[in-house]
C-alpha atoms as a PDB file:
ATOM      1  CA  MET A   1     -57.115-112.590-116.206  1.00  0.00           C
ATOM      2  CA  THR A   2     -58.467-115.804-114.717  1.00  0.00           C
ATOM      3  CA  HIS A   3     -58.137-116.474-111.000  1.00  0.00           C
ATOM      4  CA  THR A   4     -56.640-119.977-110.617  1.00  0.00           C
ATOM      5  CA  VAL A   5     -56.730-121.992-107.388  1.00  0.00           C
ATOM      6  CA  HIS A   6     -55.586-125.361-106.163  1.00  0.00           C
ATOM      7  CA  CYS A   7     -59.096-126.643-105.507  1.00  0.00           C
ATOM      8  CA  ALA A   8     -59.452-128.338-102.113  1.00  0.00           C
ATOM      9  CA  LYS A   9     -62.425-130.370-103.419  1.00  0.00           C
ATOM     10  CA  PHE A  10     -60.773-131.730-106.583  1.00  0.00           C
ATOM     11  CA  ASP A  11     -57.100-131.501-105.544  1.00  0.00           C
ATOM     12  CA  ASN A  12     -56.259-129.888-108.871  1.00  0.00           C
ATOM     13  CA  GLU A  13     -55.425-126.474-110.363  1.00  0.00           C
ATOM     14  CA  LEU A  14     -58.670-125.049-111.736  1.00  0.00           C
ATOM     15  CA  ASP A  15     -60.342-121.725-112.482  1.00  0.00           C
ATOM     16  CA  GLY A  16     -61.453-120.041-109.273  1.00  0.00           C
ATOM     17  CA  LEU A  17     -64.406-117.853-108.447  1.00  0.00           C
ATOM     18  CA  GLU A  18     -64.536-114.281-109.758  1.00  0.00           C
ATOM     19  CA  LYS A  19     -64.970-112.933-106.224  1.00  0.00           C
ATOM     20  CA  PRO A  20     -65.617-114.303-102.725  1.00  0.00           C
ATOM     21  CA  PRO A  21     -69.149-115.778-102.600  1.00  0.00           C
ATOM     22  CA  PHE A  22     -69.957-113.823 -99.427  1.00  0.00           C
ATOM     23  CA  PRO A  23     -68.150-111.542 -96.968  1.00  0.00           C
ATOM     24  CA  GLY A  24     -66.026-112.768 -94.098  1.00  0.00           C
ATOM     25  CA  GLU A  25     -63.373-115.341 -93.377  1.00  0.00           C
ATOM     26  CA  LEU A  26     -65.235-118.330 -94.848  1.00  0.00           C
ATOM     27  CA  GLY A  27     -66.025-116.437 -98.057  1.00  0.00           C
ATOM     28  CA  GLN A  28     -62.340-115.601 -98.460  1.00  0.00           C
ATOM     29  CA  LYS A  29     -61.299-119.190 -97.706  1.00  0.00           C
ATOM     30  CA  ILE A  30     -63.667-120.455-100.404  1.00  0.00           C
ATOM     31  CA  TYR A  31     -62.376-117.853-102.863  1.00  0.00           C
ATOM     32  CA  ASP A  32     -58.770-118.871-102.178  1.00  0.00           C
ATOM     33  CA  ASN A  33     -59.283-122.661-102.201  1.00  0.00           C
ATOM     34  CA  ILE A  34     -62.379-123.643-104.201  1.00  0.00           C
ATOM     35  CA  SER A  35     -62.834-123.790-107.975  1.00  0.00           C
ATOM     36  CA  GLN A  36     -65.793-122.433-109.894  1.00  0.00           C
ATOM     37  CA  GLN A  37     -66.637-126.018-110.885  1.00  0.00           C
ATOM     38  CA  ALA A  38     -66.778-127.167-107.242  1.00  0.00           C
ATOM     39  CA  TRP A  39     -68.818-124.083-106.278  1.00  0.00           C
ATOM     40  CA  ASP A  40     -71.347-124.776-109.046  1.00  0.00           C
ATOM     41  CA  MET A  41     -71.709-128.384-107.880  1.00  0.00           C
ATOM     42  CA  TRP A  42     -72.195-127.205-104.288  1.00  0.00           C
ATOM     43  CA  PHE A  43     -74.805-124.664-105.361  1.00  0.00           C
ATOM     44  CA  SER A  44     -76.882-127.429-106.994  1.00  0.00           C
ATOM     45  CA  LEU A  45     -76.520-129.682-103.947  1.00  0.00           C
ATOM     46  CA  GLN A  46     -77.415-126.814-101.621  1.00  0.00           C
ATOM     47  CA  THR A  47     -80.591-126.117-103.594  1.00  0.00           C
ATOM     48  CA  MET A  48     -81.598-129.788-103.359  1.00  0.00           C
ATOM     49  CA  MET A  49     -80.956-129.813 -99.595  1.00  0.00           C
ATOM     50  CA  ILE A  50     -82.971-126.638 -99.031  1.00  0.00           C
ATOM     51  CA  ASN A  51     -85.894-128.113-100.963  1.00  0.00           C
ATOM     52  CA  GLU A  52     -85.683-131.646 -99.557  1.00  0.00           C
ATOM     53  CA  TYR A  53     -85.393-130.556 -95.928  1.00  0.00           C
ATOM     54  CA  ARG A  54     -87.722-127.582 -96.491  1.00  0.00           C
ATOM     55  CA  LEU A  55     -85.210-125.224 -94.955  1.00  0.00           C
ATOM     56  CA  ASP A  56     -86.078-121.588 -94.369  1.00  0.00           C
ATOM     57  CA  MET A  57     -82.928-119.590 -95.060  1.00  0.00           C
ATOM     58  CA  HIS A  58     -84.258-116.779 -92.865  1.00  0.00           C
ATOM     59  CA  ASP A  59     -84.000-119.198 -89.923  1.00  0.00           C
ATOM     60  CA  PRO A  60     -80.583-119.099 -88.192  1.00  0.00           C
ATOM     61  CA  ASP A  61     -80.645-122.868 -87.548  1.00  0.00           C
ATOM     62  CA  SER A  62     -81.225-123.580 -91.248  1.00  0.00           C
ATOM     63  CA  ARG A  63     -78.385-121.248 -92.254  1.00  0.00           C
ATOM     64  CA  LYS A  64     -76.104-122.889 -89.690  1.00  0.00           C
ATOM     65  CA  MET A  65     -76.937-126.363 -91.046  1.00  0.00           C
ATOM     66  CA  ILE A  66     -76.220-125.328 -94.646  1.00  0.00           C
ATOM     67  CA  THR A  67     -72.961-123.648 -93.615  1.00  0.00           C
ATOM     68  CA  GLU A  68     -71.815-126.772 -91.751  1.00  0.00           C
ATOM     69  CA  GLN A  69     -72.651-128.958 -94.746  1.00  0.00           C
ATOM     70  CA  MET A  70     -70.834-126.565 -97.085  1.00  0.00           C
ATOM     71  CA  LYS A  71     -67.662-126.676 -94.967  1.00  0.00           C
ATOM     72  CA  ARG A  72     -67.749-130.472 -94.922  1.00  0.00           C
ATOM     73  CA  TYR A  73     -68.415-130.629 -98.661  1.00  0.00           C
ATOM     74  CA  PHE A  74     -65.458-128.432 -99.548  1.00  0.00           C
ATOM     75  CA  PHE A  75     -62.942-129.156 -96.822  1.00  0.00           C
ATOM     76  CA  GLY A  76     -63.826-132.590 -95.431  1.00  0.00           C
ATOM     77  CA  LYS A  77     -65.550-134.009 -92.393  1.00  0.00           C
ATOM     78  CA  ASP A  78     -62.841-132.765 -90.023  1.00  0.00           C
ATOM     79  CA  GLU A  79     -63.430-129.118 -90.913  1.00  0.00           C
ATOM     80  CA  LYS A  80     -64.376-127.042 -87.873  1.00  0.00           C
ATOM     81  CA  THR A  81     -68.028-126.091 -88.017  1.00  0.00           C
ATOM     82  CA  ASP A  82     -68.197-123.527 -85.200  1.00  0.00           C
END
Protein backbone atom coordinates (compact mmCIF):
# COMPACT_ATOMS: atom_id res chain seq x y z
CA MET A 1 0.00 0.00 0.00
CA THR A 2 1.37 3.38 -1.03
CA HIS A 3 1.60 6.20 1.49
CA THR A 4 -0.04 9.27 -0.11
CA VAL A 5 0.44 12.84 1.14
CA HIS A 6 -0.70 16.30 0.22
CA CYS A 7 2.78 17.54 -0.63
CA ALA A 8 3.57 20.94 0.91
CA LYS A 9 6.17 21.60 -1.83
CA PHE A 10 3.95 20.81 -4.84
CA ASP A 11 0.51 21.45 -3.30
CA ASN A 12 -0.75 18.18 -4.75
CA GLU A 13 -1.59 14.62 -3.69
CA LEU A 14 1.47 12.49 -4.41
CA ASP A 15 3.21 9.33 -3.23
CA GLY A 16 4.92 9.91 0.11
CA LEU A 17 8.09 8.54 1.60
CA GLU A 18 8.23 4.92 2.75
CA LYS A 19 9.31 6.00 6.24
CA PRO A 20 10.42 9.19 8.00
CA PRO A 21 13.82 10.25 6.62
CA PHE A 22 15.25 10.62 10.14
CA PRO A 23 14.00 10.41 13.74
CA GLY A 24 12.29 13.24 15.56
CA GLU A 25 9.63 15.84 14.97
CA LEU A 26 11.04 17.21 11.70
CA GLY A 27 11.43 13.71 10.25
CA GLN A 28 7.79 12.99 11.05
CA LYS A 29 6.66 16.33 9.61
CA ILE A 30 8.48 15.56 6.36
CA TYR A 31 6.98 12.06 6.26
CA ASP A 32 3.47 13.46 6.75
CA ASN A 33 3.74 16.42 4.34
CA ILE A 34 6.41 15.81 1.68
CA SER A 35 6.25 13.60 -1.41
CA GLN A 36 8.95 11.20 -2.55
CA GLN A 37 9.40 13.38 -5.64
CA ALA A 38 10.05 16.51 -3.55
CA TRP A 39 12.40 14.57 -1.25
CA ASP A 40 14.41 13.30 -4.23
CA MET A 41 14.73 16.84 -5.59
CA TRP A 42 15.85 18.09 -2.17
CA PHE A 43 18.41 15.30 -1.87
CA SER A 44 20.02 16.37 -5.17
CA LEU A 45 20.01 20.04 -4.12
CA GLN A 46 21.44 19.15 -0.72
CA THR A 47 24.30 17.24 -2.34
CA MET A 48 25.10 20.23 -4.56
CA MET A 49 25.07 22.59 -1.56
CA ILE A 50 27.34 20.33 0.49
CA ASN A 51 29.82 20.16 -2.39
CA GLU A 52 29.62 23.82 -3.42
CA TYR A 53 29.98 25.20 0.10
CA ARG A 54 32.37 22.39 1.10
CA LEU A 55 30.28 21.60 4.14
CA ASP A 56 31.45 19.04 6.68
CA MET A 57 28.37 17.20 7.88
CA HIS A 58 30.20 16.26 11.08
CA ASP A 59 30.26 19.98 11.92
CA PRO A 60 27.18 21.13 13.88
CA ASP A 61 27.11 24.50 12.07
CA SER A 62 27.05 22.77 8.67
CA ARG A 63 24.23 20.45 9.78
CA LYS A 64 22.29 23.43 11.14
CA MET A 65 22.68 25.30 7.83
CA ILE A 66 21.47 22.31 5.79
CA THR A 67 18.52 21.78 8.15
CA GLU A 68 17.50 25.44 7.87
CA GLN A 69 17.71 25.29 4.08
CA MET A 70 15.69 22.06 4.02
CA LYS A 71 12.90 23.60 6.11
CA ARG A 72 12.76 26.62 3.81
CA TYR A 73 12.81 24.42 0.71
CA PHE A 74 9.89 22.29 1.85
CA PHE A 75 7.80 24.65 3.93
CA GLY A 76 8.68 28.17 2.77
CA LYS A 77 10.77 31.07 3.97
CA ASP A 78 8.56 31.67 7.01
CA GLU A 79 9.22 28.22 8.45
CA LYS A 80 10.77 28.40 11.92
CA THR A 81 14.40 27.38 11.79
CA ASP A 82 15.17 27.07 15.51
